[in-house]
C-alpha atoms as a PDB file:
ATOM      1  CA  MET A   1     -11.295  24.881  24.941  1.00  0.00           C
ATOM      2  CA  ALA A   2      -7.729  25.669  25.909  1.00  0.00           C
ATOM      3  CA  GLY A   3      -6.762  29.221  27.185  1.00  0.00           C
ATOM      4  CA  ASP A   4      -8.588  31.572  29.352  1.00  0.00           C
ATOM      5  CA  ASP A   5     -11.952  30.925  27.426  1.00  0.00           C
ATOM      6  CA  SER A   6     -14.232  28.664  29.540  1.00  0.00           C
ATOM      7  CA  ASP A   7     -17.081  28.781  27.068  1.00  0.00           C
ATOM      8  CA  THR A   8     -18.134  25.657  25.860  1.00  0.00           C
ATOM      9  CA  HIS A   9     -21.362  26.329  24.320  1.00  0.00           C
ATOM     10  CA  GLN A  10     -21.730  25.655  20.560  1.00  0.00           C
ATOM     11  CA  ALA A  11     -23.412  29.054  20.332  1.00  0.00           C
ATOM     12  CA  VAL A  12     -20.109  30.708  20.890  1.00  0.00           C
ATOM     13  CA  ARG A  13     -18.005  28.368  18.794  1.00  0.00           C
ATOM     14  CA  SER A  14     -16.343  28.650  15.360  1.00  0.00           C
ATOM     15  CA  GLY A  15     -14.458  26.705  13.143  1.00  0.00           C
ATOM     16  CA  LEU A  16     -12.235  27.067   9.823  1.00  0.00           C
ATOM     17  CA  VAL A  17     -13.581  24.733   7.057  1.00  0.00           C
ATOM     18  CA  VAL A  18     -12.667  24.035   3.445  1.00  0.00           C
ATOM     19  CA  ARG A  19     -16.171  23.485   1.505  1.00  0.00           C
ATOM     20  CA  VAL A  20     -16.356  20.600  -0.750  1.00  0.00           C
ATOM     21  CA  PRO A  21     -19.372  21.440  -2.904  1.00  0.00           C
ATOM     22  CA  GLU A  22     -18.378  18.832  -5.607  1.00  0.00           C
ATOM     23  CA  ALA A  23     -18.691  15.966  -2.943  1.00  0.00           C
ATOM     24  CA  GLU A  24     -22.453  17.009  -2.066  1.00  0.00           C
ATOM     25  CA  PRO A  25     -24.104  14.998  -5.231  1.00  0.00           C
ATOM     26  CA  ALA A  26     -22.138  11.721  -3.888  1.00  0.00           C
ATOM     27  CA  VAL A  27     -22.470  12.135  -0.106  1.00  0.00           C
ATOM     28  CA  ARG A  28     -25.419  14.130   0.573  1.00  0.00           C
ATOM     29  CA  VAL A  29     -28.141  11.386   0.941  1.00  0.00           C
ATOM     30  CA  TRP A  30     -25.610   9.530   3.395  1.00  0.00           C
ATOM     31  CA  ARG A  31     -24.729  12.903   5.381  1.00  0.00           C
ATOM     32  CA  ASP A  32     -28.684  13.978   5.591  1.00  0.00           C
ATOM     33  CA  ARG A  33     -29.231  10.480   7.186  1.00  0.00           C
ATOM     34  CA  LEU A  34     -26.143   9.855   9.252  1.00  0.00           C
ATOM     35  CA  ASP A  35     -24.325  13.231  10.030  1.00  0.00           C
ATOM     36  CA  PRO A  36     -25.956  15.544  12.518  1.00  0.00           C
ATOM     37  CA  ALA A  37     -23.913  18.380  11.507  1.00  0.00           C
ATOM     38  CA  VAL A  38     -26.144  18.889   8.448  1.00  0.00           C
ATOM     39  CA  ARG A  39     -29.230  19.340  10.377  1.00  0.00           C
ATOM     40  CA  SER A  40     -27.336  22.519  11.848  1.00  0.00           C
ATOM     41  CA  GLY A  41     -26.343  23.766   8.375  1.00  0.00           C
ATOM     42  CA  MET A  42     -22.794  22.616   7.948  1.00  0.00           C
ATOM     43  CA  PRO A  43     -22.057  21.672   4.282  1.00  0.00           C
ATOM     44  CA  ALA A  44     -19.673  18.946   2.943  1.00  0.00           C
ATOM     45  CA  HIS A  45     -16.325  20.120   4.117  1.00  0.00           C
ATOM     46  CA  VAL A  46     -12.667  19.310   5.417  1.00  0.00           C
ATOM     47  CA  THR A  47     -12.238  21.056   8.896  1.00  0.00           C
ATOM     48  CA  VAL A  48      -9.190  23.084   8.816  1.00  0.00           C
ATOM     49  CA  LEU A  49      -9.542  24.029  12.838  1.00  0.00           C
ATOM     50  CA  PHE A  50     -12.261  23.225  15.158  1.00  0.00           C
ATOM     51  CA  PRO A  51     -12.794  24.897  17.467  1.00  0.00           C
ATOM     52  CA  PHE A  52     -11.326  28.136  16.404  1.00  0.00           C
ATOM     53  CA  LEU A  53     -11.951  31.308  18.625  1.00  0.00           C
ATOM     54  CA  PRO A  54     -15.248  32.132  20.561  1.00  0.00           C
ATOM     55  CA  GLU A  55     -16.903  34.180  17.985  1.00  0.00           C
ATOM     56  CA  ARG A  56     -16.781  37.247  20.289  1.00  0.00           C
ATOM     57  CA  ARG A  57     -13.118  37.083  19.980  1.00  0.00           C
ATOM     58  CA  ILE A  58     -13.251  37.403  16.380  1.00  0.00           C
ATOM     59  CA  ASP A  59     -12.898  41.026  15.337  1.00  0.00           C
ATOM     60  CA  SER A  60     -11.590  42.871  12.451  1.00  0.00           C
ATOM     61  CA  ASP A  61      -7.862  42.275  13.366  1.00  0.00           C
ATOM     62  CA  THR A  62      -8.500  38.688  13.635  1.00  0.00           C
ATOM     63  CA  LEU A  63     -10.194  38.392  10.418  1.00  0.00           C
ATOM     64  CA  ALA A  64      -7.058  40.114   8.840  1.00  0.00           C
ATOM     65  CA  ALA A  65      -4.854  37.803  10.484  1.00  0.00           C
ATOM     66  CA  VAL A  66      -6.634  34.788   9.384  1.00  0.00           C
ATOM     67  CA  ASP A  67      -6.605  36.207   5.816  1.00  0.00           C
ATOM     68  CA  ALA A  68      -2.841  36.775   6.217  1.00  0.00           C
ATOM     69  CA  VAL A  69      -2.151  33.151   7.501  1.00  0.00           C
ATOM     70  CA  ILE A  70      -4.525  31.542   4.652  1.00  0.00           C
ATOM     71  CA  GLY A  71      -3.372  33.800   1.949  1.00  0.00           C
ATOM     72  CA  ARG A  72       0.233  32.536   2.062  1.00  0.00           C
ATOM     73  CA  HIS A  73      -0.968  29.128   0.931  1.00  0.00           C
ATOM     74  CA  LYS A  74      -1.453  28.427  -2.911  1.00  0.00           C
ATOM     75  CA  PRO A  75      -4.663  26.761  -4.184  1.00  0.00           C
ATOM     76  CA  PHE A  76      -4.554  23.309  -4.981  1.00  0.00           C
ATOM     77  CA  GLU A  77      -6.593  20.156  -6.000  1.00  0.00           C
ATOM     78  CA  ALA A  78      -8.160  17.597  -3.676  1.00  0.00           C
ATOM     79  CA  ARG A  79      -8.863  14.112  -4.594  1.00  0.00           C
ATOM     80  CA  PHE A  80     -11.275  12.240  -2.551  1.00  0.00           C
ATOM     81  CA  GLU A  81     -11.297   8.458  -3.515  1.00  0.00           C
ATOM     82  CA  GLY A  82     -10.719   6.446  -0.516  1.00  0.00           C
ATOM     83  CA  PHE A  83     -12.411   6.266   3.023  1.00  0.00           C
ATOM     84  CA  GLY A  84     -11.256   6.168   6.609  1.00  0.00           C
ATOM     85  CA  ARG A  85     -12.711   5.671   9.805  1.00  0.00           C
ATOM     86  CA  PHE A  86     -12.597   6.710  13.538  1.00  0.00           C
ATOM     87  CA  PRO A  87     -14.860   5.196  16.178  1.00  0.00           C
ATOM     88  CA  GLY A  88     -18.339   5.537  14.999  1.00  0.00           C
ATOM     89  CA  ILE A  89     -17.419   7.574  11.896  1.00  0.00           C
ATOM     90  CA  LEU A  90     -16.927   7.134   8.334  1.00  0.00           C
ATOM     91  CA  TYR A  91     -15.232   9.808   6.277  1.00  0.00           C
ATOM     92  CA  LEU A  92     -13.777  10.337   2.802  1.00  0.00           C
ATOM     93  CA  ALA A  93      -9.983  10.727   3.056  1.00  0.00           C
ATOM     94  CA  PRO A  94      -8.499  13.752   0.682  1.00  0.00           C
ATOM     95  CA  GLU A  95      -5.282  13.604  -1.197  1.00  0.00           C
ATOM     96  CA  PRO A  96      -2.949  15.471  -0.665  1.00  0.00           C
ATOM     97  CA  ALA A  97      -3.749  15.463   2.840  1.00  0.00           C
ATOM     98  CA  ALA A  98      -0.458  17.288   3.655  1.00  0.00           C
ATOM     99  CA  SER A  99      -1.955  20.435   1.893  1.00  0.00           C
ATOM    100  CA  PHE A 100      -4.880  20.579   4.555  1.00  0.00           C
ATOM    101  CA  ARG A 101      -2.425  19.709   7.337  1.00  0.00           C
ATOM    102  CA  ALA A 102      -0.256  22.640   6.300  1.00  0.00           C
ATOM    103  CA  LEU A 103      -3.606  25.008   6.738  1.00  0.00           C
ATOM    104  CA  THR A 104      -4.271  23.699  10.079  1.00  0.00           C
ATOM    105  CA  GLU A 105      -0.581  23.879  11.337  1.00  0.00           C
ATOM    106  CA  ALA A 106      -0.279  27.676   9.963  1.00  0.00           C
ATOM    107  CA  ILE A 107      -3.370  28.643  11.703  1.00  0.00           C
ATOM    108  CA  VAL A 108      -2.392  26.574  14.931  1.00  0.00           C
ATOM    109  CA  ASP A 109       1.064  28.139  14.790  1.00  0.00           C
ATOM    110  CA  ARG A 110      -0.731  31.823  14.875  1.00  0.00           C
ATOM    111  CA  TRP A 111      -3.429  30.676  17.399  1.00  0.00           C
ATOM    112  CA  PRO A 112      -1.635  28.010  19.673  1.00  0.00           C
ATOM    113  CA  GLU A 113      -4.388  28.246  22.134  1.00  0.00           C
ATOM    114  CA  THR A 114      -6.611  26.571  19.599  1.00  0.00           C
ATOM    115  CA  PRO A 115      -5.273  23.146  19.175  1.00  0.00           C
ATOM    116  CA  PRO A 116      -7.352  20.941  16.508  1.00  0.00           C
ATOM    117  CA  PHE A 117     -10.393  19.295  18.193  1.00  0.00           C
ATOM    118  CA  GLY A 118      -9.494  20.871  21.394  1.00  0.00           C
ATOM    119  CA  GLY A 119      -6.098  18.809  21.570  1.00  0.00           C
ATOM    120  CA  GLU A 120      -8.069  15.480  22.064  1.00  0.00           C
ATOM    121  CA  PHE A 121      -6.140  13.955  19.252  1.00  0.00           C
ATOM    122  CA  ALA A 122      -2.294  13.650  18.707  1.00  0.00           C
ATOM    123  CA  GLU A 123      -2.494  13.448  15.036  1.00  0.00           C
ATOM    124  CA  ILE A 124      -4.170  15.750  12.489  1.00  0.00           C
ATOM    125  CA  VAL A 125      -6.263  13.688  10.226  1.00  0.00           C
ATOM    126  CA  PRO A 126      -7.833  15.759   7.264  1.00  0.00           C
ATOM    127  CA  HIS A 127     -11.207  14.105   6.368  1.00  0.00           C
ATOM    128  CA  LEU A 128     -14.722  14.841   5.128  1.00  0.00           C
ATOM    129  CA  THR A 129     -17.483  13.240   7.268  1.00  0.00           C
ATOM    130  CA  ILE A 130     -19.982  11.458   5.857  1.00  0.00           C
ATOM    131  CA  ALA A 131     -21.281   9.464   8.938  1.00  0.00           C
ATOM    132  CA  GLN A 132     -20.821  10.247  12.691  1.00  0.00           C
ATOM    133  CA  GLY A 133     -21.990   8.440  15.964  1.00  0.00           C
ATOM    134  CA  GLN A 134     -23.437   5.419  13.919  1.00  0.00           C
ATOM    135  CA  ASP A 135     -22.654   1.692  14.188  1.00  0.00           C
ATOM    136  CA  ASP A 136     -20.533  -0.391  11.944  1.00  0.00           C
ATOM    137  CA  THR A 137     -23.567  -1.616   9.911  1.00  0.00           C
ATOM    138  CA  ASP A 138     -24.583   1.981   8.797  1.00  0.00           C
ATOM    139  CA  LEU A 139     -20.979   2.947   8.016  1.00  0.00           C
ATOM    140  CA  ASP A 140     -20.357  -0.275   5.965  1.00  0.00           C
ATOM    141  CA  GLU A 141     -23.596   0.362   4.188  1.00  0.00           C
ATOM    142  CA  ALA A 142     -22.893   3.987   3.315  1.00  0.00           C
ATOM    143  CA  GLY A 143     -19.009   2.984   2.215  1.00  0.00           C
ATOM    144  CA  ALA A 144     -20.446   0.129   0.027  1.00  0.00           C
ATOM    145  CA  ASP A 145     -23.020   2.510  -1.841  1.00  0.00           C
ATOM    146  CA  LEU A 146     -20.301   5.406  -2.174  1.00  0.00           C
ATOM    147  CA  ARG A 147     -17.555   3.440  -3.701  1.00  0.00           C
ATOM    148  CA  GLY A 148     -19.147   3.858  -7.019  1.00  0.00           C
ATOM    149  CA  ARG A 149     -19.525   7.503  -6.718  1.00  0.00           C
ATOM    150  CA  LEU A 150     -15.776   8.192  -6.255  1.00  0.00           C
ATOM    151  CA  PRO A 151     -13.330   9.920  -6.989  1.00  0.00           C
ATOM    152  CA  VAL A 152     -14.535  13.435  -6.299  1.00  0.00           C
ATOM    153  CA  VAL A 153     -12.255  16.203  -7.253  1.00  0.00           C
ATOM    154  CA  SER A 154     -12.244  19.612  -5.831  1.00  0.00           C
ATOM    155  CA  ARG A 155     -10.367  22.794  -6.417  1.00  0.00           C
ATOM    156  CA  VAL A 156      -9.435  24.077  -3.055  1.00  0.00           C
ATOM    157  CA  GLY A 157      -9.206  28.232  -3.350  1.00  0.00           C
ATOM    158  CA  SER A 158     -10.596  29.348   0.235  1.00  0.00           C
ATOM    159  CA  VAL A 159     -11.085  28.640   3.640  1.00  0.00           C
ATOM    160  CA  ASP A 160     -14.449  29.675   5.418  1.00  0.00           C
ATOM    161  CA  LEU A 161     -14.892  30.835   8.893  1.00  0.00           C
ATOM    162  CA  MET A 162     -18.044  29.244  10.213  1.00  0.00           C
ATOM    163  CA  ALA A 163     -19.904  30.506  13.385  1.00  0.00           C
ATOM    164  CA  HIS A 164     -22.494  28.762  15.231  1.00  0.00           C
ATOM    165  CA  ASP A 165     -25.561  30.856  16.536  1.00  0.00           C
ATOM    166  CA  GLY A 166     -26.862  28.491  18.882  1.00  0.00           C
ATOM    167  CA  SER A 167     -28.788  26.378  16.438  1.00  0.00           C
ATOM    168  CA  ARG A 168     -27.088  26.839  12.819  1.00  0.00           C
ATOM    169  CA  TRP A 169     -23.779  27.242  11.399  1.00  0.00           C
ATOM    170  CA  ARG A 170     -23.424  30.186   9.264  1.00  0.00           C
ATOM    171  CA  GLN A 171     -20.430  31.534   7.002  1.00  0.00           C
ATOM    172  CA  ARG A 172     -19.066  34.542   8.772  1.00  0.00           C
ATOM    173  CA  ALA A 173     -16.030  35.195   6.258  1.00  0.00           C
ATOM    174  CA  SER A 174     -14.258  33.367   3.374  1.00  0.00           C
ATOM    175  CA  PHE A 175     -10.418  33.644   3.055  1.00  0.00           C
ATOM    176  CA  ALA A 176      -8.643  33.147  -0.312  1.00  0.00           C
ATOM    177  CA  LEU A 177      -5.408  30.882  -0.906  1.00  0.00           C
ATOM    178  CA  ARG A 178      -3.503  33.188  -2.989  1.00  0.00           C
ATOM    179  CA  GLY A 179       0.227  32.247  -2.116  1.00  0.00           C
ATOM    180  CA  SER A 180       2.925  30.931  -4.433  1.00  0.00           C
ATOM    181  CA  GLY A 181       3.840  28.358  -1.854  1.00  0.00           C
ATOM    182  CA  GLN A 182       3.109  26.708   1.499  1.00  0.00           C
END
């Protein structure tokens, strides 16, 4: 992590995500098999920002600030009908990606010490992970099966703060999108 926080243990990490429960029927069997995050309780989601702040730094003032930032954005509909890949990863690509990117950029503008994925990647690519750490054969198989289950459409109305307790992810707070513009 950037900044003065040297904690790298998952137990102190948090992240901001948009849950996509509408995707669960389509992706659950593949996520159960090919996405280790499922075993630690992470639902189908699009990441807004990970890692966010260490949990010990999240107090009522932080929660109010996140609420203010997220609250400036208006709810929107997301459509998942195509796939993308990173090395070893298969994901559903949401449209409009720009709406997810705007959420990420707004949080990073407020907390510049929390670049997306620790600053590892230059570009923000919104995605719903189906499989990670897998070979191309598994990714091809999952993609072929899922093609017939798309599109998935979701109404995005909130962003959840998820915290990791050392073994499981749990929802710590939820912030409504309620603005009239981005």
